[in-house]
Amino acid sequence: MCFLITHEHYRRVLRHLRENTLSASDLSRIQNALTFLSPLCRDTREAHKDMMGVTLKTDALLRASR
């Protein structure tokens, strides 16, 4: 899996988060970032649970936006 998010992508997603105007592209970038980071959250049960919750919410928002 190739994961790349540029500084401009990050700034755009952050701006859209603040403005509550996330697009499907933004959600897809967030989903990719969560997938990339998920192995780091397996050390503790609480962190893994939180990551899974955020991932599921992002998946649901992405499906609803299409």
N, C-alpha and C. Protein backbone atom coordinates (compact mmCIF):
# COMPACT_ATOMS: atom_id res chain seq x y z
N MET A 1 0.84 -1.18 0.00
CA MET A 1 0.00 0.00 0.00
C MET A 1 0.89 1.25 0.00
N CYS A 2 0.61 2.13 -0.87
CA CYS A 2 1.36 3.37 -0.93
C CYS A 2 0.56 4.46 -0.22
N PHE A 3 1.19 5.08 0.74
CA PHE A 3 0.51 6.12 1.51
C PHE A 3 1.28 7.41 1.36
N LEU A 4 0.62 8.40 0.82
CA LEU A 4 1.27 9.69 0.67
C LEU A 4 0.24 10.78 0.89
N ILE A 5 0.54 11.66 1.81
CA ILE A 5 -0.29 12.84 2.00
C ILE A 5 0.66 14.03 2.04
N THR A 6 0.44 14.93 1.15
CA THR A 6 1.30 16.10 1.09
C THR A 6 0.85 17.13 2.12
N HIS A 7 1.70 18.09 2.33
CA HIS A 7 1.37 19.17 3.26
C HIS A 7 0.09 19.89 2.80
N GLU A 8 -0.03 20.08 1.50
CA GLU A 8 -1.22 20.75 0.95
C GLU A 8 -2.49 19.92 1.18
N HIS A 9 -2.39 18.61 1.03
CA HIS A 9 -3.54 17.74 1.30
C HIS A 9 -3.96 17.87 2.77
N TYR A 10 -2.96 17.82 3.64
CA TYR A 10 -3.23 17.94 5.07
C TYR A 10 -3.92 19.26 5.39
N ARG A 11 -3.40 20.35 4.84
CA ARG A 11 -3.99 21.67 5.10
C ARG A 11 -5.42 21.75 4.58
N ARG A 12 -5.67 21.16 3.40
CA ARG A 12 -7.02 21.19 2.82
C ARG A 12 -8.01 20.39 3.68
N VAL A 13 -7.60 19.20 4.10
CA VAL A 13 -8.47 18.38 4.94
C VAL A 13 -8.73 19.08 6.27
N LEU A 14 -7.70 19.65 6.86
CA LEU A 14 -7.87 20.36 8.13
C LEU A 14 -8.82 21.55 7.98
N ARG A 15 -8.65 22.31 6.90
CA ARG A 15 -9.56 23.44 6.65
C ARG A 15 -11.00 22.95 6.49
N HIS A 16 -11.19 21.89 5.74
CA HIS A 16 -12.54 21.35 5.54
C HIS A 16 -13.13 20.80 6.84
N LEU A 17 -12.29 20.23 7.68
CA LEU A 17 -12.77 19.78 9.00
C LEU A 17 -13.28 20.96 9.82
N ARG A 18 -12.51 22.02 9.83
CA ARG A 18 -12.89 23.22 10.59
C ARG A 18 -14.16 23.87 10.05
N GLU A 19 -14.33 23.81 8.72
CA GLU A 19 -15.49 24.42 8.07
C GLU A 19 -16.68 23.47 7.98
N ASN A 20 -16.48 22.24 8.45
CA ASN A 20 -17.52 21.20 8.38
C ASN A 20 -17.98 20.97 6.93
N THR A 21 -17.01 20.91 6.02
CA THR A 21 -17.30 20.72 4.59
C THR A 21 -16.46 19.60 4.00
N LEU A 22 -16.34 18.48 4.71
CA LEU A 22 -15.53 17.37 4.22
C LEU A 22 -16.10 16.80 2.93
N SER A 23 -15.22 16.51 1.99
CA SER A 23 -15.61 15.88 0.73
C SER A 23 -15.26 14.39 0.79
N ALA A 24 -15.72 13.66 -0.21
CA ALA A 24 -15.38 12.24 -0.30
C ALA A 24 -13.86 12.07 -0.41
N SER A 25 -13.21 12.96 -1.12
CA SER A 25 -11.75 12.91 -1.24
C SER A 25 -11.08 13.11 0.12
N ASP A 26 -11.58 14.05 0.91
CA ASP A 26 -11.04 14.28 2.25
C ASP A 26 -11.21 13.03 3.11
N LEU A 27 -12.40 12.46 3.07
CA LEU A 27 -12.68 11.27 3.87
C LEU A 27 -11.80 10.10 3.45
N SER A 28 -11.56 9.99 2.17
CA SER A 28 -10.68 8.93 1.67
C SER A 28 -9.26 9.13 2.18
N ARG A 29 -8.79 10.35 2.21
CA ARG A 29 -7.44 10.63 2.74
C ARG A 29 -7.38 10.32 4.23
N ILE A 30 -8.43 10.67 4.96
CA ILE A 30 -8.49 10.36 6.39
C ILE A 30 -8.49 8.85 6.60
N GLN A 31 -9.27 8.15 5.80
CA GLN A 31 -9.35 6.69 5.90
C GLN A 31 -7.97 6.07 5.64
N ASN A 32 -7.26 6.56 4.64
CA ASN A 32 -5.92 6.04 4.35
C ASN A 32 -4.96 6.31 5.51
N ALA A 33 -5.06 7.49 6.10
CA ALA A 33 -4.19 7.82 7.24
C ALA A 33 -4.50 6.91 8.43
N LEU A 34 -5.78 6.66 8.68
CA LEU A 34 -6.15 5.77 9.79
C LEU A 34 -5.65 4.35 9.56
N THR A 35 -5.76 3.88 8.33
CA THR A 35 -5.26 2.54 8.00
C THR A 35 -3.76 2.46 8.22
N PHE A 36 -3.05 3.50 7.82
CA PHE A 36 -1.61 3.55 7.99
C PHE A 36 -1.23 3.55 9.48
N LEU A 37 -1.98 4.28 10.29
CA LEU A 37 -1.65 4.43 11.71
C LEU A 37 -2.18 3.30 12.60
N SER A 38 -3.13 2.53 12.12
CA SER A 38 -3.79 1.54 12.98
C SER A 38 -2.84 0.55 13.65
N PRO A 39 -1.77 0.09 13.02
CA PRO A 39 -0.87 -0.83 13.74
C PRO A 39 -0.24 -0.21 14.99
N LEU A 40 -0.14 1.10 15.03
CA LEU A 40 0.44 1.76 16.20
C LEU A 40 -0.50 1.77 17.40
N CYS A 41 -1.77 1.48 17.17
CA CYS A 41 -2.77 1.57 18.24
C CYS A 41 -3.18 0.20 18.77
N ARG A 42 -2.42 -0.80 18.47
CA ARG A 42 -2.77 -2.15 18.93
C ARG A 42 -2.14 -2.51 20.26
N ASP A 43 -1.32 -1.63 20.79
CA ASP A 43 -0.64 -1.93 22.04
C ASP A 43 -1.58 -1.93 23.24
N THR A 44 -2.53 -1.02 23.25
CA THR A 44 -3.46 -0.97 24.36
C THR A 44 -4.88 -1.18 23.86
N ARG A 45 -5.67 -1.79 24.67
CA ARG A 45 -7.05 -2.09 24.31
C ARG A 45 -7.85 -0.82 24.05
N GLU A 46 -7.64 0.19 24.89
CA GLU A 46 -8.39 1.44 24.75
C GLU A 46 -8.03 2.17 23.45
N ALA A 47 -6.75 2.22 23.14
CA ALA A 47 -6.32 2.89 21.90
C ALA A 47 -6.86 2.16 20.69
N HIS A 48 -6.83 0.84 20.72
CA HIS A 48 -7.35 0.04 19.60
C HIS A 48 -8.86 0.27 19.45
N LYS A 49 -9.57 0.30 20.56
CA LYS A 49 -11.02 0.53 20.53
C LYS A 49 -11.33 1.92 19.94
N ASP A 50 -10.60 2.92 20.37
CA ASP A 50 -10.79 4.28 19.85
C ASP A 50 -10.51 4.34 18.36
N MET A 51 -9.42 3.72 17.92
CA MET A 51 -9.06 3.73 16.50
C MET A 51 -10.13 3.02 15.67
N MET A 52 -10.62 1.92 16.17
CA MET A 52 -11.66 1.19 15.43
C MET A 52 -12.94 2.03 15.33
N GLY A 53 -13.28 2.74 16.39
CA GLY A 53 -14.47 3.60 16.37
C GLY A 53 -14.35 4.71 15.35
N VAL A 54 -13.19 5.35 15.30
CA VAL A 54 -12.96 6.43 14.34
C VAL A 54 -12.96 5.88 12.92
N THR A 55 -12.36 4.72 12.73
CA THR A 55 -12.30 4.10 11.41
C THR A 55 -13.71 3.75 10.93
N LEU A 56 -14.51 3.17 11.79
CA LEU A 56 -15.88 2.82 11.40
C LEU A 56 -16.71 4.05 11.07
N LYS A 57 -16.56 5.10 11.86
CA LYS A 57 -17.28 6.35 11.60
C LYS A 57 -16.86 6.95 10.26
N THR A 58 -15.56 6.94 9.99
CA THR A 58 -15.06 7.47 8.72
C THR A 58 -15.58 6.64 7.55
N ASP A 59 -15.58 5.33 7.70
CA ASP A 59 -16.12 4.45 6.65
C ASP A 59 -17.58 4.76 6.37
N ALA A 60 -18.36 4.94 7.43
CA ALA A 60 -19.79 5.24 7.28
C ALA A 60 -19.99 6.59 6.58
N LEU A 61 -19.22 7.59 6.96
CA LEU A 61 -19.33 8.91 6.32
C LEU A 61 -18.93 8.84 4.86
N LEU A 62 -17.90 8.06 4.56
CA LEU A 62 -17.45 7.93 3.18
C LEU A 62 -18.52 7.23 2.33
N ARG A 63 -19.12 6.18 2.85
CA ARG A 63 -20.20 5.48 2.11
C ARG A 63 -21.38 6.41 1.89
N ALA A 64 -21.72 7.19 2.89
CA ALA A 64 -22.88 8.09 2.79
C ALA A 64 -22.62 9.24 1.81
N SER A 65 -21.35 9.59 1.60
CA SER A 65 -21.04 10.71 0.72
C SER A 65 -21.05 10.32 -0.75
N ARG A 66 -21.12 9.05 -1.03
CA ARG A 66 -21.08 8.58 -2.43
C ARG A 66 -22.45 8.34 -2.98
